[in-house]
Amino acid sequence: MENNSYYNAKDLKKFGNIAEWDKSLADKFFAWYGEVFEEGALTAREKSIIALAVSHAVQCPYCIDAYATDCLQKGVTNEQMMEALHVTAAIRGGASMVHGVQMMNKVNKLSM
């Protein structure tokens, strides 16, 4: 039976193929992307954990696969990855809740 998933895990390996349609911009993106993940004020390991958390926030299955793998390769534990996921969920939830103030302001204004 054919796999009808919108996301195909095999497509992650094709990421570099985006250069086929605009090599100049792809080269710039990949150079910048690579530099972002170099050691700096944050370690490569810390950046990988951040990337895993952000991957969940933006809900990118390709990024989740890539950075779960990268985290494991960098010695990040299952517990640390799950803690990062919970931080992501707390921030996403908090962002939704704080927008409740906007709703309350609007309702209060309309109720006057």
Protein backbone atom coordinates (compact mmCIF):
# COMPACT_ATOMS: atom_id res chain seq x y z
CA MET A 1 0.00 0.00 0.00
CA GLU A 2 1.24 3.48 -0.83
CA ASN A 3 2.24 5.81 1.98
CA ASN A 4 0.01 8.87 1.58
CA SER A 5 1.63 11.00 4.26
CA TYR A 6 2.08 14.63 3.25
CA TYR A 7 5.56 14.55 4.76
CA ASN A 8 7.96 11.94 3.45
CA ALA A 9 10.97 11.30 5.69
CA LYS A 10 13.05 10.63 2.56
CA ASP A 11 12.50 14.24 1.47
CA LEU A 12 14.74 15.51 4.28
CA LYS A 13 17.73 14.15 2.38
CA LYS A 14 16.61 16.22 -0.63
CA PHE A 15 16.88 19.53 1.25
CA GLY A 16 20.01 20.51 -0.66
CA ASN A 17 18.11 20.13 -3.90
CA ILE A 18 16.48 23.52 -3.38
CA ALA A 19 19.69 24.90 -4.92
CA GLU A 20 18.58 23.51 -8.29
CA TRP A 21 16.13 26.35 -8.78
CA ASP A 22 18.22 29.19 -7.33
CA LYS A 23 21.79 28.25 -6.51
CA SER A 24 22.86 31.74 -5.49
CA LEU A 25 20.22 32.16 -2.80
CA ALA A 26 20.51 28.54 -1.65
CA ASP A 27 24.28 28.91 -1.27
CA LYS A 28 23.74 32.03 0.84
CA PHE A 29 21.13 30.30 2.99
CA PHE A 30 23.23 27.19 3.58
CA ALA A 31 26.34 29.27 4.37
CA TRP A 32 24.38 31.33 6.90
CA TYR A 33 22.65 28.22 8.31
CA GLY A 34 25.99 26.49 8.80
CA GLU A 35 27.50 29.52 10.50
CA VAL A 36 24.53 29.81 12.86
CA PHE A 37 25.20 26.32 14.20
CA GLU A 38 28.94 26.80 14.73
CA GLU A 39 30.28 27.05 18.27
CA GLY A 40 29.89 30.55 19.64
CA ALA A 41 28.49 31.95 22.86
CA LEU A 42 26.38 28.77 22.80
CA THR A 43 27.80 25.32 22.27
CA ALA A 44 26.76 23.28 19.24
CA ARG A 45 25.00 20.95 21.70
CA GLU A 46 22.99 23.82 23.21
CA LYS A 47 22.07 25.07 19.74
CA SER A 48 20.87 21.59 18.81
CA ILE A 49 18.57 21.48 21.87
CA ILE A 50 17.22 24.94 20.97
CA ALA A 51 16.69 23.80 17.38
CA LEU A 52 14.80 20.72 18.59
CA ALA A 53 12.55 22.89 20.76
CA VAL A 54 11.91 25.40 17.97
CA SER A 55 11.23 22.51 15.59
CA HIS A 56 8.33 21.52 17.81
CA ALA A 57 7.12 25.11 18.11
CA VAL A 58 6.97 25.50 14.32
CA GLN A 59 5.81 21.88 13.96
CA CYS A 60 8.29 20.87 11.27
CA PRO A 61 8.55 17.08 11.12
CA TYR A 62 11.72 17.27 9.03
CA CYS A 63 13.40 19.48 11.62
CA ILE A 64 12.16 17.31 14.49
CA ASP A 65 13.71 14.26 12.82
CA ALA A 66 16.95 16.06 12.02
CA TYR A 67 17.44 17.64 15.44
CA ALA A 68 16.31 14.61 17.45
CA THR A 69 19.04 12.72 15.60
CA ASP A 70 21.53 15.57 16.04
CA CYS A 71 20.75 15.82 19.76
CA LEU A 72 21.36 12.09 20.23
CA GLN A 73 24.65 12.38 18.35
CA LYS A 74 25.68 15.23 20.65
CA GLY A 75 24.89 13.25 23.80
CA VAL A 76 21.61 14.93 24.73
CA THR A 77 19.57 12.58 26.90
CA ASN A 78 15.94 11.60 26.35
CA GLU A 79 15.10 13.44 29.58
CA GLN A 80 16.76 16.65 28.34
CA MET A 81 14.96 16.47 24.99
CA MET A 82 11.61 15.94 26.74
CA GLU A 83 12.32 18.84 29.09
CA ALA A 84 13.04 21.05 26.06
CA LEU A 85 9.72 19.92 24.56
CA HIS A 86 7.90 20.89 27.75
CA VAL A 87 9.55 24.33 27.67
CA THR A 88 8.28 24.68 24.09
CA ALA A 89 4.76 23.67 25.12
CA ALA A 90 4.78 26.07 28.08
CA ILE A 91 5.83 29.00 25.88
CA ARG A 92 3.26 28.13 23.20
CA GLY A 93 0.55 27.78 25.83
CA GLY A 94 1.56 30.98 27.56
CA ALA A 95 1.54 32.85 24.27
CA SER A 96 -2.03 31.74 23.67
CA MET A 97 -3.10 32.62 27.19
CA VAL A 98 -1.53 36.10 27.21
CA HIS A 99 -3.52 36.91 24.08
CA GLY A 100 -6.56 36.47 26.31
CA VAL A 101 -5.80 40.01 27.50
CA GLN A 102 -6.45 41.20 23.94
CA MET A 103 -9.79 39.38 23.96
CA MET A 104 -10.69 40.83 27.36
CA ASN A 105 -9.78 44.34 26.22
CA LYS A 106 -11.95 43.99 23.11
CA VAL A 107 -14.91 42.51 24.99
CA ASN A 108 -14.68 45.18 27.68
CA LYS A 109 -14.55 47.92 25.02
CA LEU A 110 -17.57 46.48 23.17
CA SER A 111 -19.49 46.03 26.42
CA MET A 112 -19.24 49.73 27.36
